[in-house]
Amino acid sequence: MAMTRTLDGFVPAYLLQQAAILNPTNTSLIDSIGITQRLSIAGRAPLHPALRFAVLAPGQGDRRIFDCKGLERLPGDKARHEGDGEYAAFPLVNDAYQFHGDVRRFLLEVLKRNSLDGKGLDLIGSCNYGKGYNNAFFNQRQMVYGNGDGVIFAKFIIRSVIGHEMAHGVTHHTSGLEYQDESGALNEHFSDVIGVLVDQFCDNVTSAAHHWLVGPGLFTDQVKGKALRSMIEPGTAYDDPKLGKDRQPAHMKDKFEGWADNGGVHINSGIPNRAFALFAKAVGGYAFERPLAIWYATNCGDNRVGANASFQDFADKTMVHCATIAPRQKNNLKEAWGEVGITVAG
């Protein structure tokens, strides 16, 4: 039976639990885990009339942004839908509208994909959800954005966060990587790749010039942290008494082997993250061109990995696609995987 993301939004449950222990008076941290569980259940409940047409009918990838006005109800009140003017009551609605459009354009122009499901699924988002909800979450129907507690978390309507969460929808409709152990870490890894590359694409930044951060702007200025993760330097994204230290390994020798975090799905994703970033920098130019083409074929193409793929399976499959897409880059790809402790043939 497939594992589902029942506890985790963009910020993993293990990190919220850890932060709750370190900040016992900040009840919003542990409350956020329960809210995400309820949102996951809501994603399996009968559709609200406001979403029925957008989810069930053939779509055009239209943006439909709602304002929950601080309440825990979905989808909330209509705020800004495709073609509407700016929404004044809660300005972050306009950021969500823009970033949903950025993800849609990236999927269409870079990956030749018609929205998340390949069939024009409308891109729905509910902003201003609840009080102090510390997460962003995609429930396979829509995005939900909290506003954060204002102490640790500043905001969640961030382009790479949205790209990351929506990419779980792409994986859901393609390889369906099981959300456990190495396959789950690959699921998280592919979402990090898409989140970061949406930024690089929209900002027209090369792989060499980019910071490779996932979720910059997530934390308040009271936190010593630059993002939730760093793809190029796993384990360096944050180090603060309110959160602890970034636990991501950069090499297989340091791989997390425990049961927490669904077997380390967010922790161990640092290993393939670094391999991709190293490969993209070695290739040069834009990472959303040949490097992403190889990764997309590996996770989403006809000759893709299975739902229970290991790191080794995924790495081997990238070599297969590299031979077709960018044969002159095979040595760079082999070396990138070798840098993180994974040996591939070729």
Protein backbone atom coordinates (compact mmCIF):
# COMPACT_ATOMS: atom_id res chain seq x y z
CA MET A 1 0.00 0.00 0.00
CA ALA A 2 1.40 3.40 -1.00
CA MET A 3 2.64 5.70 1.72
CA THR A 4 1.09 9.18 1.65
CA ARG A 5 2.24 12.54 2.94
CA THR A 6 -0.15 12.54 5.90
CA LEU A 7 1.98 14.58 8.29
CA ASP A 8 4.25 16.69 6.16
CA GLY A 9 3.89 19.93 4.38
CA PHE A 10 6.89 21.91 3.20
CA VAL A 11 8.25 22.00 6.76
CA PRO A 12 8.59 18.37 7.88
CA ALA A 13 6.84 17.17 11.00
CA TYR A 14 10.09 16.06 12.63
CA LEU A 15 11.42 19.63 12.43
CA LEU A 16 8.22 21.12 13.85
CA GLN A 17 8.36 18.58 16.68
CA GLN A 18 11.97 19.47 17.39
CA ALA A 19 11.20 23.19 17.33
CA ALA A 20 8.24 22.63 19.68
CA ILE A 21 10.55 20.98 22.22
CA LEU A 22 13.03 23.87 21.94
CA ASN A 23 10.26 26.48 22.16
CA PRO A 24 7.71 25.02 24.62
CA THR A 25 5.64 28.21 24.89
CA ASN A 26 5.12 28.40 21.11
CA THR A 27 2.12 26.10 20.76
CA SER A 28 1.67 26.96 17.08
CA LEU A 29 4.54 24.63 16.21
CA ILE A 30 2.95 21.40 17.42
CA ASP A 31 -0.52 22.64 16.42
CA SER A 32 0.72 22.95 12.82
CA ILE A 33 1.30 19.20 12.61
CA GLY A 34 -2.32 18.52 13.52
CA ILE A 35 -3.55 21.11 11.04
CA THR A 36 -1.61 19.41 8.24
CA GLN A 37 -3.14 16.07 9.20
CA ARG A 38 -6.61 17.60 8.98
CA LEU A 39 -5.77 19.15 5.61
CA SER A 40 -4.66 15.77 4.34
CA ILE A 41 -7.97 14.24 5.41
CA ALA A 42 -9.82 17.15 3.76
CA GLY A 43 -8.03 16.28 0.53
CA ARG A 44 -9.85 12.94 0.52
CA ALA A 45 -13.26 14.31 1.49
CA PRO A 46 -16.03 15.18 -1.00
CA LEU A 47 -15.16 18.26 -3.00
CA HIS A 48 -16.38 21.69 -1.94
CA PRO A 49 -18.66 23.15 -4.64
CA ALA A 50 -16.16 25.97 -5.25
CA LEU A 51 -13.54 23.37 -6.29
CA ARG A 52 -15.71 20.80 -8.02
CA PHE A 53 -15.46 22.24 -11.52
CA ALA A 54 -11.77 23.12 -11.20
CA VAL A 55 -10.74 19.65 -10.03
CA LEU A 56 -13.08 17.38 -11.94
CA ALA A 57 -13.51 19.17 -15.27
CA PRO A 58 -10.79 19.32 -17.93
CA GLY A 59 -8.84 22.42 -16.98
CA GLN A 60 -6.62 25.03 -18.55
CA GLY A 61 -4.22 25.28 -15.65
CA ASP A 62 -6.12 28.37 -14.49
CA ARG A 63 -5.16 30.04 -11.24
CA ARG A 64 -7.82 30.10 -8.53
CA ILE A 65 -6.67 31.83 -5.35
CA PHE A 66 -8.85 32.04 -2.22
CA ASP A 67 -8.59 33.94 1.07
CA CYS A 68 -9.39 31.94 4.22
CA LYS A 69 -9.29 35.15 6.31
CA GLY A 70 -7.60 33.42 9.24
CA LEU A 71 -10.15 30.61 9.46
CA GLU A 72 -9.54 26.89 9.03
CA ARG A 73 -11.93 26.34 6.17
CA LEU A 74 -11.35 25.41 2.56
CA PRO A 75 -11.20 26.76 0.04
CA GLY A 76 -12.09 30.13 1.64
CA ASP A 77 -13.55 33.13 -0.18
CA LYS A 78 -12.76 33.83 -3.80
CA ALA A 79 -9.88 36.31 -3.92
CA ARG A 80 -8.22 36.31 -7.33
CA HIS A 81 -8.96 33.92 -10.17
CA GLU A 82 -7.47 33.78 -13.64
CA GLY A 83 -7.67 37.18 -15.29
CA ASP A 84 -8.86 39.08 -12.20
CA GLY A 85 -7.24 42.29 -11.05
CA GLU A 86 -5.11 42.59 -7.92
CA TYR A 87 -6.61 41.67 -4.56
CA ALA A 88 -6.17 44.41 -1.98
CA ALA A 89 -7.52 42.78 1.19
CA PHE A 90 -4.58 40.38 1.60
CA PRO A 91 -1.69 41.30 -0.72
CA LEU A 92 0.06 37.93 -0.46
CA VAL A 93 -2.81 36.59 -2.57
CA ASN A 94 -1.21 38.44 -5.48
CA ASP A 95 2.14 36.77 -4.80
CA ALA A 96 0.42 33.38 -4.79
CA TYR A 97 -1.32 34.24 -8.07
CA GLN A 98 2.03 35.22 -9.63
CA PHE A 99 3.93 32.20 -8.36
CA HIS A 100 1.22 29.74 -9.41
CA GLY A 101 1.56 31.25 -12.86
CA ASP A 102 5.35 30.92 -12.72
CA VAL A 103 5.07 27.20 -11.96
CA ARG A 104 2.54 26.74 -14.75
CA ARG A 105 4.80 28.53 -17.25
CA PHE A 106 7.82 26.52 -16.14
CA LEU A 107 5.99 23.22 -16.57
CA LEU A 108 4.67 24.19 -19.98
CA GLU A 109 7.72 25.91 -21.48
CA VAL A 110 10.49 23.83 -19.94
CA LEU A 111 8.91 20.39 -19.50
CA LYS A 112 6.17 20.64 -22.15
CA ARG A 113 3.74 19.54 -19.45
CA ASN A 114 0.17 20.82 -19.20
CA SER A 115 -0.03 21.56 -15.48
CA LEU A 116 0.63 19.04 -12.71
CA ASP A 117 -1.36 16.14 -14.11
CA GLY A 118 -0.45 16.77 -17.74
CA LYS A 119 -4.14 17.49 -18.45
CA GLY A 120 -4.49 21.12 -17.42
CA LEU A 121 -5.36 20.74 -13.74
CA ASP A 122 -6.28 24.18 -12.41
CA LEU A 123 -3.84 25.57 -9.86
CA ILE A 124 -5.77 26.30 -6.69
CA GLY A 125 -4.44 28.01 -3.59
CA SER A 126 -5.96 29.00 -0.26
CA CYS A 127 -4.04 31.78 1.53
CA ASN A 128 -4.27 33.18 5.06
CA TYR A 129 -5.21 29.78 6.48
CA GLY A 130 -5.76 29.62 10.24
CA LYS A 131 -3.85 31.40 12.97
CA GLY A 132 -0.12 30.83 13.09
CA TYR A 133 -0.16 27.82 10.75
CA ASN A 134 3.51 27.11 10.09
CA ASN A 135 3.41 25.39 6.74
CA ALA A 136 2.46 25.20 3.10
CA PHE A 137 0.79 21.98 1.97
CA PHE A 138 -0.41 20.42 -1.29
CA ASN A 139 -3.16 17.82 -0.80
CA GLN A 140 -3.25 16.66 -4.46
CA ARG A 141 -6.13 19.06 -5.07
CA GLN A 142 -4.83 22.43 -3.98
CA MET A 143 -2.20 24.43 -2.12
CA VAL A 144 -2.85 25.74 1.41
CA TYR A 145 -0.71 28.51 2.89
CA GLY A 146 -0.31 29.49 6.53
CA ASN A 147 1.10 32.84 7.58
CA GLY A 148 3.66 31.49 10.04
CA ASP A 149 4.11 32.43 13.69
CA GLY A 150 6.14 35.57 12.96
CA VAL A 151 8.84 34.36 15.37
CA ILE A 152 10.47 31.46 13.56
CA PHE A 153 8.57 31.34 10.29
CA ALA A 154 8.04 34.54 8.30
CA LYS A 155 6.00 33.38 5.32
CA PHE A 156 5.25 30.43 3.07
CA ILE A 157 4.10 32.08 -0.13
CA ILE A 158 7.56 31.75 -1.67
CA ARG A 159 8.11 30.70 -5.27
CA SER A 160 10.48 27.79 -4.58
CA VAL A 161 8.18 26.54 -1.81
CA ILE A 162 5.23 26.53 -4.20
CA GLY A 163 7.28 24.87 -6.93
CA HIS A 164 8.42 22.21 -4.46
CA GLU A 165 4.95 21.40 -3.16
CA MET A 166 3.31 21.36 -6.58
CA ALA A 167 6.05 19.05 -7.88
CA HIS A 168 4.71 16.41 -5.48
CA GLY A 169 1.65 16.51 -7.71
CA VAL A 170 3.80 15.82 -10.77
CA THR A 171 5.44 12.83 -9.07
CA HIS A 172 2.01 11.61 -7.92
CA HIS A 173 0.88 11.48 -11.56
CA THR A 174 4.08 9.84 -12.86
CA SER A 175 6.48 7.59 -10.90
CA GLY A 176 4.44 7.76 -7.69
CA LEU A 177 7.58 7.40 -5.58
CA GLU A 178 6.64 5.78 -2.26
CA TYR A 179 6.92 8.23 0.63
CA GLN A 180 9.26 6.10 2.72
CA ASP A 181 13.04 5.56 3.00
CA GLU A 182 15.08 6.19 -0.17
CA SER A 183 12.14 6.35 -2.57
CA GLY A 184 10.56 8.97 -0.30
CA ALA A 185 13.81 10.90 -0.20
CA LEU A 186 13.84 10.83 -4.01
CA ASN A 187 10.25 12.14 -3.95
CA GLU A 188 11.42 15.07 -1.80
CA HIS A 189 14.56 15.48 -3.90
CA PHE A 190 12.65 15.83 -7.17
CA SER A 191 10.42 18.45 -5.55
CA ASP A 192 13.49 20.38 -4.40
CA VAL A 193 14.90 20.24 -7.93
CA ILE A 194 11.70 21.68 -9.40
CA GLY A 195 11.34 24.32 -6.67
CA VAL A 196 14.88 25.62 -7.16
CA LEU A 197 14.78 25.43 -10.95
CA VAL A 198 11.53 27.39 -11.16
CA ASP A 199 13.47 30.16 -9.42
CA GLN A 200 16.43 29.81 -11.78
CA PHE A 201 14.15 29.80 -14.82
CA CYS A 202 12.10 32.82 -13.79
CA ASP A 203 15.16 34.81 -12.75
CA ASN A 204 17.21 33.69 -15.79
CA VAL A 205 20.06 32.53 -13.54
CA THR A 206 22.68 29.95 -14.50
CA SER A 207 23.56 26.99 -12.33
CA ALA A 208 26.93 28.55 -11.48
CA ALA A 209 25.42 31.85 -10.31
CA HIS A 210 22.54 30.54 -8.21
CA HIS A 211 22.48 29.97 -4.45
CA TRP A 212 20.67 26.60 -4.71
CA LEU A 213 18.51 27.35 -1.67
CA VAL A 214 15.07 25.82 -1.14
CA GLY A 215 12.77 28.30 0.56
CA PRO A 216 14.87 31.44 1.02
CA GLY A 217 12.86 33.95 3.06
CA LEU A 218 11.10 31.22 5.05
CA PHE A 219 12.60 32.25 8.39
CA THR A 220 12.30 35.53 10.27
CA ASP A 221 15.39 37.64 10.92
CA GLN A 222 15.37 36.23 14.46
CA VAL A 223 16.57 32.87 13.11
CA LYS A 224 20.07 32.02 11.94
CA GLY A 225 19.03 30.33 8.76
CA LYS A 226 19.05 31.11 5.05
CA ALA A 227 16.45 28.55 3.90
CA LEU A 228 15.02 25.14 4.76
CA ARG A 229 17.60 23.32 2.64
CA SER A 230 20.68 23.95 0.54
CA MET A 231 21.05 21.67 -2.45
CA ILE A 232 24.70 22.47 -3.07
CA GLU A 233 25.71 22.35 0.61
CA PRO A 234 23.34 20.01 2.49
CA GLY A 235 23.50 20.49 6.23
CA THR A 236 24.25 24.23 6.13
CA ALA A 237 20.82 25.82 5.67
CA TYR A 238 20.20 26.70 9.33
CA ASP A 239 21.81 26.43 12.75
CA ASP A 240 19.83 28.13 15.49
CA PRO A 241 18.82 27.33 19.08
CA LYS A 242 15.15 27.69 18.07
CA LEU A 243 15.46 24.95 15.43
CA GLY A 244 18.63 23.01 15.98
CA LYS A 245 21.05 22.34 13.13
CA ASP A 246 20.23 21.28 9.59
CA ARG A 247 20.55 17.46 9.63
CA GLN A 248 20.91 16.79 5.92
CA PRO A 249 23.88 14.62 4.91
CA ALA A 250 25.88 15.31 1.75
CA HIS A 251 27.26 11.76 1.35
CA MET A 252 26.03 8.19 1.66
CA LYS A 253 28.46 7.52 4.52
CA ASP A 254 26.41 9.91 6.65
CA LYS A 255 22.99 8.70 5.54
CA PHE A 256 20.31 8.76 8.25
CA GLU A 257 19.21 5.20 9.06
CA GLY A 258 16.50 5.84 11.66
CA TRP A 259 12.72 5.48 11.50
CA ALA A 260 11.90 9.17 12.03
CA ASP A 261 10.84 11.37 9.12
CA ASN A 262 9.43 8.31 7.29
CA GLY A 263 12.93 6.88 7.22
CA GLY A 264 14.63 10.19 6.52
CA VAL A 265 12.72 11.38 3.46
CA HIS A 266 13.55 15.05 4.10
CA ILE A 267 16.91 14.36 5.73
CA ASN A 268 18.46 12.03 3.16
CA SER A 269 17.20 13.98 0.15
CA GLY A 270 20.36 16.05 0.64
CA ILE A 271 22.38 13.27 -0.97
CA PRO A 272 20.72 13.27 -4.43
CA ASN A 273 20.21 17.05 -4.10
CA ARG A 274 23.96 17.58 -3.98
CA ALA A 275 24.53 15.16 -6.86
CA PHE A 276 22.11 17.11 -9.06
CA ALA A 277 23.57 20.50 -8.14
CA LEU A 278 27.14 19.29 -8.76
CA PHE A 279 26.14 17.80 -12.10
CA ALA A 280 24.33 20.96 -13.19
CA LYS A 281 27.31 23.12 -12.30
CA ALA A 282 29.67 20.79 -14.15
CA VAL A 283 27.47 20.92 -17.27
CA GLY A 284 27.29 24.71 -17.05
CA GLY A 285 24.67 27.04 -18.41
CA TYR A 286 21.08 26.54 -17.30
CA ALA A 287 20.25 23.65 -14.99
CA PHE A 288 16.68 23.62 -16.31
CA GLU A 289 17.92 22.50 -19.71
CA ARG A 290 19.89 19.24 -20.12
CA PRO A 291 20.34 18.37 -16.41
CA LEU A 292 16.61 18.71 -15.73
CA ALA A 293 15.71 16.87 -18.93
CA ILE A 294 17.64 13.85 -17.63
CA TRP A 295 16.01 14.02 -14.18
CA TYR A 296 12.53 14.54 -15.61
CA ALA A 297 12.89 11.54 -17.92
CA THR A 298 14.12 9.50 -14.96
CA ASN A 299 11.18 10.37 -12.71
CA CYS A 300 8.39 11.14 -15.17
CA GLY A 301 9.20 9.73 -18.61
CA ASP A 302 8.12 6.50 -20.24
CA ASN A 303 11.32 4.76 -19.13
CA ARG A 304 11.17 5.98 -15.54
CA VAL A 305 12.05 4.51 -12.18
CA GLY A 306 9.57 2.43 -10.22
CA ALA A 307 7.68 3.64 -7.20
CA ASN A 308 10.09 1.87 -4.82
CA ALA A 309 13.27 3.14 -6.44
CA SER A 310 16.45 3.34 -4.38
CA PHE A 311 19.13 6.00 -4.78
CA GLN A 312 21.12 3.46 -6.79
CA ASP A 313 18.14 2.75 -9.07
CA PHE A 314 17.61 6.44 -9.69
CA ALA A 315 21.29 7.14 -10.32
CA ASP A 316 21.57 4.22 -12.76
CA LYS A 317 18.50 5.43 -14.63
CA THR A 318 19.90 8.96 -14.96
CA MET A 319 22.92 7.44 -16.68
CA VAL A 320 20.62 5.67 -19.14
CA HIS A 321 18.89 8.93 -20.04
CA CYS A 322 22.11 10.92 -20.08
CA ALA A 323 23.40 8.61 -22.83
CA THR A 324 20.52 9.81 -25.02
CA ILE A 325 19.98 13.39 -23.89
CA ALA A 326 23.54 14.57 -23.23
CA PRO A 327 26.03 11.78 -24.01
CA ARG A 328 29.06 14.05 -23.64
CA GLN A 329 28.06 14.69 -20.01
CA LYS A 330 28.22 11.06 -18.85
CA ASN A 331 31.54 11.52 -17.07
CA ASN A 332 30.27 14.63 -15.29
CA LEU A 333 27.18 12.73 -14.17
CA LYS A 334 29.21 9.74 -13.03
CA GLU A 335 31.52 12.02 -11.04
CA ALA A 336 28.60 13.90 -9.45
CA TRP A 337 27.08 10.66 -8.15
CA GLY A 338 30.52 9.53 -7.04
CA GLU A 339 30.94 12.71 -5.01
CA VAL A 340 27.99 11.66 -2.83
CA GLY A 341 29.09 8.04 -2.53
CA ILE A 342 27.04 6.39 -5.28
CA THR A 343 28.87 4.42 -7.96
CA VAL A 344 27.29 4.15 -11.40
CA ALA A 345 28.42 2.30 -14.50
CA GLY A 346 29.27 4.07 -17.72
